[in-house]
Protein backbone atom coordinates (compact mmCIF):
# COMPACT_ATOMS: atom_id res chain seq x y z
CA UNK A 1 0.04 0.03 0.00
CA UNK A 2 1.22 3.50 -0.88
CA UNK A 3 1.39 5.96 1.83
CA UNK A 4 2.23 9.74 1.98
CA UNK A 5 5.44 8.63 3.93
CA UNK A 6 6.65 6.49 0.83
CA UNK A 7 5.69 9.44 -1.46
CA UNK A 8 7.80 11.82 0.59
CA UNK A 9 10.66 9.27 0.48
CA UNK A 10 10.60 9.07 -3.25
CA UNK A 11 10.01 12.78 -4.06
CA UNK A 12 11.36 14.33 -0.98
CA UNK A 13 7.96 16.15 -0.38
CA UNK A 14 4.38 15.89 -0.62
CA UNK A 15 2.86 15.82 -4.14
CA UNK A 16 -0.28 17.57 -5.40
CA UNK A 17 -3.34 15.37 -6.15
CA UNK A 18 -3.02 15.84 -9.85
CA UNK A 19 0.64 14.47 -9.91
CA UNK A 20 -0.30 11.63 -7.71
CA UNK A 21 -3.01 10.69 -9.94
CA UNK A 22 -0.64 11.03 -13.05
CA UNK A 23 2.28 9.29 -11.32
CA UNK A 24 0.47 6.22 -9.73
CA UNK A 25 -2.41 5.92 -12.41
CA UNK A 26 -5.09 6.37 -9.63
CA UNK A 27 -8.21 8.62 -9.85
CA UNK A 28 -8.06 10.32 -6.31
CA UNK A 29 -10.69 13.02 -5.92
CA UNK A 30 -10.98 15.91 -3.24
CA UNK A 31 -13.02 13.68 -1.13
CA UNK A 32 -10.37 10.99 -0.94
CA UNK A 33 -7.59 13.01 0.46
CA UNK A 34 -6.49 15.36 3.25
CA UNK A 35 -4.58 18.63 2.30
CA UNK A 36 -1.91 20.88 3.59
CA UNK A 37 -3.78 23.96 3.37
CA UNK A 38 -0.89 26.34 2.32
CA UNK A 39 0.26 26.97 -1.26
CA UNK A 40 3.42 24.98 -1.51
CA UNK A 41 5.34 24.19 -4.97
CA UNK A 42 4.67 20.70 -5.89
CA UNK A 43 8.14 19.18 -6.45
CA UNK A 44 6.83 17.04 -9.40
CA UNK A 45 5.10 19.81 -11.58
CA UNK A 46 6.37 22.91 -9.70
CA UNK A 47 2.94 24.39 -9.61
CA UNK A 48 1.64 26.17 -6.50
CA UNK A 49 -1.11 23.86 -5.13
CA UNK A 50 -2.41 22.40 -1.91
CA UNK A 51 -0.35 19.24 -1.24
CA UNK A 52 -1.86 15.94 -0.14
CA UNK A 53 -1.23 15.35 3.77
CA UNK A 54 -2.83 11.87 3.98
CA UNK A 55 -5.61 9.72 2.57
CA UNK A 56 -9.23 9.17 3.85
CA UNK A 57 -10.46 5.74 3.89
CA UNK A 58 -11.80 5.98 0.28
CA UNK A 59 -8.29 7.15 -0.78
CA UNK A 60 -6.58 4.43 1.04
CA UNK A 61 -8.58 1.72 -0.89
CA UNK A 62 -7.60 3.27 -4.10
CA UNK A 63 -3.97 3.28 -3.09
CA UNK A 64 -4.10 -0.24 -1.52
CA UNK A 65 -2.20 -1.99 -4.56
CA UNK A 66 0.00 0.81 -5.49
CA UNK A 67 3.72 1.12 -4.75
C-alpha cells in the first residue's frame, strides 16, 4: 500500500493530487485526501497547489495495490 510517507521518501516532499493521479495511475478526488492548506510548490510539476497530507479511507482503498 502506498502511503504519504513513501511518496515523501521518493520525491522528497508531498505531491499535489494531480501529480499523484498521474504518477500512480489512480483517480483520487478531493473527497479521498487530506490537504496541507498552504500553497506550496509541488516538487513534481512545480505548480503552487495544496499538497496531499494523507488519505481518507476511500483514498486508502484506491492506493491499496500501488507502490
